[in-house]
Amino acid sequence: GVFLYHHLQQKVRNAESLAQKYKQQQEALSAQLQVVYEHRSRLERSLQKERGEHKKTKEDFLVYKLEAQEALNKEKQDSMNRYGALSSQHKILKNQHEDVKKQLLDLQLQHNSLKLEHRKTLETHNQKYAQLQQEKDSEVTNLQDTVFKLREESKLLRKAHQEVHSQLLSAQ
């Protein structure tokens, strides 16, 4: 009986020791579980916070995207308006350029015609001038001949007059 008692007491001590060991392990696991729960709680709060920030960021992004799209559409519309205005201005300037080219061509033709006419007129004037110069030279020569003849005649007349005067004086 003592042996059995001793043996049972030994088993009880072993069981208490084992129970103590399991209790310590349980407390250690309980503490670790508490740490894990706290960590999980912090992670969940952090996740909620991140989700909230993500939602806000997403909303901000959508607002920004909408504003950017509106600005892009407005810029596109302005660009199209400017393009239309520049296109019509280009057509007007192109038409004006064509008109100026036609005027230039007409003026060049008119200039060439006037140039030809001027050349013909100049040739005609030069011919007339040469002819008049020739006629003048001929007339000057004729007049010089006439003057020479008249001088000769004048000398003869003076001589004859002097003779008549001398005869009259002699006759008197």
C-alpha atoms as a PDB file:
ATOM      1  CA  GLY A   1       0.000   0.000   0.000  1.00  0.00           C
ATOM      2  CA  VAL A   2       2.892   2.315   0.816  1.00  0.00           C
ATOM      3  CA  PHE A   3       4.450   1.486  -2.416  1.00  0.00           C
ATOM      4  CA  LEU A   4       1.195   2.154  -4.244  1.00  0.00           C
ATOM      5  CA  TYR A   5       0.666   5.328  -2.227  1.00  0.00           C
ATOM      6  CA  HIS A   6       4.167   6.436  -2.991  1.00  0.00           C
ATOM      7  CA  HIS A   7       3.698   5.548  -6.620  1.00  0.00           C
ATOM      8  CA  LEU A   8       0.401   7.478  -6.818  1.00  0.00           C
ATOM      9  CA  GLN A   9       1.892  10.413  -5.001  1.00  0.00           C
ATOM     10  CA  GLN A  10       4.729  10.343  -7.514  1.00  0.00           C
ATOM     11  CA  LYS A  11       2.168  10.321 -10.340  1.00  0.00           C
ATOM     12  CA  VAL A  12       0.249  13.191  -8.704  1.00  0.00           C
ATOM     13  CA  ARG A  13       3.467  15.232  -8.395  1.00  0.00           C
ATOM     14  CA  ASN A  14       4.319  14.453 -11.986  1.00  0.00           C
ATOM     15  CA  ALA A  15       0.772  15.410 -12.997  1.00  0.00           C
ATOM     16  CA  GLU A  16       0.970  18.658 -10.944  1.00  0.00           C
ATOM     17  CA  SER A  17       4.350  19.394 -12.437  1.00  0.00           C
ATOM     18  CA  LEU A  18       2.969  18.691 -15.882  1.00  0.00           C
ATOM     19  CA  ALA A  19      -0.143  20.768 -15.058  1.00  0.00           C
ATOM     20  CA  GLN A  20       2.134  23.605 -13.845  1.00  0.00           C
ATOM     21  CA  LYS A  21       4.172  23.302 -17.030  1.00  0.00           C
ATOM     22  CA  TYR A  22       1.002  23.333 -19.172  1.00  0.00           C
ATOM     23  CA  LYS A  23      -0.364  26.257 -17.179  1.00  0.00           C
ATOM     24  CA  GLN A  24       2.844  28.236 -17.857  1.00  0.00           C
ATOM     25  CA  GLN A  25       2.669  27.272 -21.518  1.00  0.00           C
ATOM     26  CA  GLN A  26      -0.987  28.322 -21.551  1.00  0.00           C
ATOM     27  CA  GLU A  27      -0.130  31.663 -19.934  1.00  0.00           C
ATOM     28  CA  ALA A  28       2.730  32.142 -22.411  1.00  0.00           C
ATOM     29  CA  LEU A  29       0.417  31.227 -25.299  1.00  0.00           C
ATOM     30  CA  SER A  30      -2.304  33.447 -23.812  1.00  0.00           C
ATOM     31  CA  ALA A  31       0.169  36.360 -23.658  1.00  0.00           C
ATOM     32  CA  GLN A  32       1.308  35.612 -27.211  1.00  0.00           C
ATOM     33  CA  LEU A  33      -2.335  35.374 -28.292  1.00  0.00           C
ATOM     34  CA  GLN A  34      -3.032  38.721 -26.575  1.00  0.00           C
ATOM     35  CA  VAL A  35      -0.093  40.241 -28.486  1.00  0.00           C
ATOM     36  CA  VAL A  36      -1.387  38.695 -31.723  1.00  0.00           C
ATOM     37  CA  TYR A  37      -4.913  40.030 -31.020  1.00  0.00           C
ATOM     38  CA  GLU A  38      -3.561  43.493 -30.294  1.00  0.00           C
ATOM     39  CA  HIS A  39      -1.411  43.339 -33.395  1.00  0.00           C
ATOM     40  CA  ARG A  40      -4.427  42.158 -35.425  1.00  0.00           C
ATOM     41  CA  SER A  41      -6.523  44.968 -33.928  1.00  0.00           C
ATOM     42  CA  ARG A  42      -3.860  47.534 -34.892  1.00  0.00           C
ATOM     43  CA  LEU A  43      -3.646  46.035 -38.390  1.00  0.00           C
ATOM     44  CA  GLU A  44      -7.434  46.182 -38.782  1.00  0.00           C
ATOM     45  CA  ARG A  45      -7.493  49.824 -37.643  1.00  0.00           C
ATOM     46  CA  SER A  46      -4.599  50.570 -39.981  1.00  0.00           C
ATOM     47  CA  LEU A  47      -6.428  48.742 -42.786  1.00  0.00           C
ATOM     48  CA  GLN A  48      -9.601  50.756 -42.115  1.00  0.00           C
ATOM     49  CA  LYS A  49      -7.569  53.952 -42.110  1.00  0.00           C
ATOM     50  CA  GLU A  50      -5.853  52.941 -45.384  1.00  0.00           C
ATOM     51  CA  ARG A  51      -9.216  52.061 -46.907  1.00  0.00           C
ATOM     52  CA  GLY A  52     -10.579  55.455 -45.889  1.00  0.00           C
ATOM     53  CA  GLU A  53      -7.533  57.216 -47.323  1.00  0.00           C
ATOM     54  CA  HIS A  54      -7.759  55.078 -50.453  1.00  0.00           C
ATOM     55  CA  LYS A  55     -11.434  55.972 -50.842  1.00  0.00           C
ATOM     56  CA  LYS A  56     -10.670  59.665 -50.372  1.00  0.00           C
ATOM     57  CA  THR A  57      -7.734  59.458 -52.787  1.00  0.00           C
ATOM     58  CA  LYS A  58      -9.929  57.649 -55.302  1.00  0.00           C
ATOM     59  CA  GLU A  59     -12.635  60.330 -54.978  1.00  0.00           C
ATOM     60  CA  ASP A  60     -10.004  63.086 -55.305  1.00  0.00           C
ATOM     61  CA  PHE A  61      -8.589  61.315 -58.350  1.00  0.00           C
ATOM     62  CA  LEU A  62     -12.043  61.045 -59.931  1.00  0.00           C
ATOM     63  CA  VAL A  63     -12.660  64.762 -59.285  1.00  0.00           C
ATOM     64  CA  TYR A  64      -9.221  65.577 -60.713  1.00  0.00           C
ATOM     65  CA  LYS A  65      -9.838  63.309 -63.695  1.00  0.00           C
ATOM     66  CA  LEU A  66     -13.208  64.982 -64.366  1.00  0.00           C
ATOM     67  CA  GLU A  67     -11.687  68.463 -64.087  1.00  0.00           C
ATOM     68  CA  ALA A  68      -8.772  67.455 -66.300  1.00  0.00           C
ATOM     69  CA  GLN A  69     -11.183  66.005 -68.867  1.00  0.00           C
ATOM     70  CA  GLU A  70     -13.249  69.214 -68.821  1.00  0.00           C
ATOM     71  CA  ALA A  71     -10.096  71.326 -69.166  1.00  0.00           C
ATOM     72  CA  LEU A  72      -8.897  69.091 -71.998  1.00  0.00           C
ATOM     73  CA  ASN A  73     -12.258  69.346 -73.748  1.00  0.00           C
ATOM     74  CA  LYS A  74     -12.247  73.133 -73.322  1.00  0.00           C
ATOM     75  CA  GLU A  75      -8.670  73.341 -74.635  1.00  0.00           C
ATOM     76  CA  LYS A  76      -9.614  71.085 -77.530  1.00  0.00           C
ATOM     77  CA  GLN A  77     -12.630  73.273 -78.328  1.00  0.00           C
ATOM     78  CA  ASP A  78     -10.489  76.417 -78.117  1.00  0.00           C
ATOM     79  CA  SER A  79      -7.900  74.796 -80.378  1.00  0.00           C
ATOM     80  CA  MET A  80     -10.582  73.815 -82.886  1.00  0.00           C
ATOM     81  CA  ASN A  81     -11.957  77.367 -82.833  1.00  0.00           C
ATOM     82  CA  ARG A  82      -8.460  78.790 -83.340  1.00  0.00           C
ATOM     83  CA  TYR A  83      -7.833  76.272 -86.107  1.00  0.00           C
ATOM     84  CA  GLY A  84     -11.101  77.262 -87.801  1.00  0.00           C
ATOM     85  CA  ALA A  85     -10.239  80.945 -87.541  1.00  0.00           C
ATOM     86  CA  LEU A  86      -6.710  80.365 -88.840  1.00  0.00           C
ATOM     87  CA  SER A  87      -8.034  78.155 -91.624  1.00  0.00           C
ATOM     88  CA  SER A  88     -10.501  80.803 -92.809  1.00  0.00           C
ATOM     89  CA  GLN A  89      -7.825  83.492 -92.487  1.00  0.00           C
ATOM     90  CA  HIS A  90      -5.492  81.253 -94.509  1.00  0.00           C
ATOM     91  CA  LYS A  91      -8.134  80.902 -97.253  1.00  0.00           C
ATOM     92  CA  ILE A  92      -8.652  84.672 -97.328  1.00  0.00           C
ATOM     93  CA  LEU A  93      -4.908  85.305 -97.507  1.00  0.00           C
ATOM     94  CA  LYS A  94      -4.523  82.618-100.163  1.00  0.00           C
ATOM     95  CA  ASN A  95      -7.251  84.271-102.268  1.00  0.00           C
ATOM     96  CA  GLN A  96      -5.613  87.673-101.747  1.00  0.00           C
ATOM     97  CA  HIS A  97      -2.284  86.141-102.746  1.00  0.00           C
ATOM     98  CA  GLU A  98      -3.840  84.763-105.944  1.00  0.00           C
ATOM     99  CA  ASP A  99      -5.375  88.189-106.697  1.00  0.00           C
ATOM    100  CA  VAL A 100      -2.022  89.897-106.104  1.00  0.00           C
ATOM    101  CA  LYS A 101      -0.314  87.321-108.341  1.00  0.00           C
ATOM    102  CA  LYS A 102      -2.854  88.039-111.097  1.00  0.00           C
ATOM    103  CA  GLN A 103      -2.366  91.795-110.652  1.00  0.00           C
ATOM    104  CA  LEU A 104       1.399  91.313-110.779  1.00  0.00           C
ATOM    105  CA  LEU A 105       1.117  89.281-113.963  1.00  0.00           C
ATOM    106  CA  ASP A 106      -1.176  91.911-115.517  1.00  0.00           C
ATOM    107  CA  LEU A 107       1.214  94.679-114.459  1.00  0.00           C
ATOM    108  CA  GLN A 108       4.196  92.770-115.855  1.00  0.00           C
ATOM    109  CA  LEU A 109       2.391  92.323-119.168  1.00  0.00           C
ATOM    110  CA  GLN A 110       1.420  95.992-119.140  1.00  0.00           C
ATOM    111  CA  HIS A 111       5.013  96.922-118.249  1.00  0.00           C
ATOM    112  CA  ASN A 112       6.388  94.823-121.111  1.00  0.00           C
ATOM    113  CA  SER A 113       3.870  96.362-123.500  1.00  0.00           C
ATOM    114  CA  LEU A 114       4.747  99.893-122.336  1.00  0.00           C
ATOM    115  CA  LYS A 115       8.442  99.043-122.542  1.00  0.00           C
ATOM    116  CA  LEU A 116       8.013  97.892-126.150  1.00  0.00           C
ATOM    117  CA  GLU A 117       5.928 100.960-126.949  1.00  0.00           C
ATOM    118  CA  HIS A 118       8.540 103.186-125.292  1.00  0.00           C
ATOM    119  CA  ARG A 119      11.311 101.539-127.313  1.00  0.00           C
ATOM    120  CA  LYS A 120       9.344 102.060-130.557  1.00  0.00           C
ATOM    121  CA  THR A 121       8.576 105.679-129.619  1.00  0.00           C
ATOM    122  CA  LEU A 122      12.254 106.262-128.751  1.00  0.00           C
ATOM    123  CA  GLU A 123      13.350 104.799-132.082  1.00  0.00           C
ATOM    124  CA  THR A 124      10.788 106.968-133.913  1.00  0.00           C
ATOM    125  CA  HIS A 125      11.964 110.063-132.007  1.00  0.00           C
ATOM    126  CA  ASN A 126      15.589 109.218-132.702  1.00  0.00           C
ATOM    127  CA  GLN A 127      14.795 108.822-136.400  1.00  0.00           C
ATOM    128  CA  LYS A 128      12.847 112.130-136.420  1.00  0.00           C
ATOM    129  CA  TYR A 129      15.658 113.806-134.471  1.00  0.00           C
ATOM    130  CA  ALA A 130      18.250 112.517-136.942  1.00  0.00           C
ATOM    131  CA  GLN A 131      16.062 113.646-139.829  1.00  0.00           C
ATOM    132  CA  LEU A 132      15.491 117.082-138.262  1.00  0.00           C
ATOM    133  CA  GLN A 133      19.203 117.365-137.493  1.00  0.00           C
ATOM    134  CA  GLN A 134      19.960 116.528-141.106  1.00  0.00           C
ATOM    135  CA  GLU A 135      17.359 119.028-142.331  1.00  0.00           C
ATOM    136  CA  LYS A 136      18.733 121.669-139.968  1.00  0.00           C
ATOM    137  CA  ASP A 137      22.292 121.017-141.117  1.00  0.00           C
ATOM    138  CA  SER A 138      21.108 121.231-144.714  1.00  0.00           C
ATOM    139  CA  GLU A 139      19.146 124.435-143.993  1.00  0.00           C
ATOM    140  CA  VAL A 140      22.133 125.946-142.124  1.00  0.00           C
ATOM    141  CA  THR A 141      24.306 125.162-145.109  1.00  0.00           C
ATOM    142  CA  ASN A 142      21.717 126.721-147.468  1.00  0.00           C
ATOM    143  CA  LEU A 143      21.390 129.782-145.237  1.00  0.00           C
ATOM    144  CA  GLN A 144      25.168 130.123-145.064  1.00  0.00           C
ATOM    145  CA  ASP A 145      25.273 129.931-148.877  1.00  0.00           C
ATOM    146  CA  THR A 146      22.482 132.513-149.101  1.00  0.00           C
ATOM    147  CA  VAL A 147      24.271 134.796-146.592  1.00  0.00           C
ATOM    148  CA  PHE A 148      27.467 134.441-148.567  1.00  0.00           C
ATOM    149  CA  LYS A 149      25.636 135.241-151.832  1.00  0.00           C
ATOM    150  CA  LEU A 150      23.831 138.168-150.211  1.00  0.00           C
ATOM    151  CA  ARG A 151      27.122 139.543-148.903  1.00  0.00           C
ATOM    152  CA  GLU A 152      28.602 139.226-152.326  1.00  0.00           C
ATOM    153  CA  GLU A 153      25.549 140.886-153.799  1.00  0.00           C
ATOM    154  CA  SER A 154      25.701 143.540-151.086  1.00  0.00           C
ATOM    155  CA  LYS A 155      29.351 144.226-151.948  1.00  0.00           C
ATOM    156  CA  LEU A 156      28.428 144.476-155.609  1.00  0.00           C
ATOM    157  CA  LEU A 157      25.507 146.784-154.796  1.00  0.00           C
ATOM    158  CA  ARG A 158      27.720 148.995-152.617  1.00  0.00           C
ATOM    159  CA  LYS A 159      30.272 149.067-155.311  1.00  0.00           C
ATOM    160  CA  ALA A 160      27.582 149.919-157.874  1.00  0.00           C
ATOM    161  CA  HIS A 161      26.115 152.520-155.500  1.00  0.00           C
ATOM    162  CA  GLN A 162      29.521 154.050-154.969  1.00  0.00           C
ATOM    163  CA  GLU A 163      30.058 154.139-158.697  1.00  0.00           C
ATOM    164  CA  VAL A 164      26.638 155.745-159.198  1.00  0.00           C
ATOM    165  CA  HIS A 165      27.443 158.195-156.419  1.00  0.00           C
ATOM    166  CA  SER A 166      30.833 158.886-157.973  1.00  0.00           C
ATOM    167  CA  GLN A 167      29.191 159.388-161.351  1.00  0.00           C
ATOM    168  CA  LEU A 168      26.672 161.746-159.843  1.00  0.00           C
ATOM    169  CA  LEU A 169      29.413 163.712-158.145  1.00  0.00           C
ATOM    170  CA  SER A 170      31.316 163.765-161.420  1.00  0.00           C
ATOM    171  CA  ALA A 171      28.214 164.711-163.253  1.00  0.00           C
ATOM    172  CA  GLN A 172      27.603 167.580-160.904  1.00  0.00           C
END
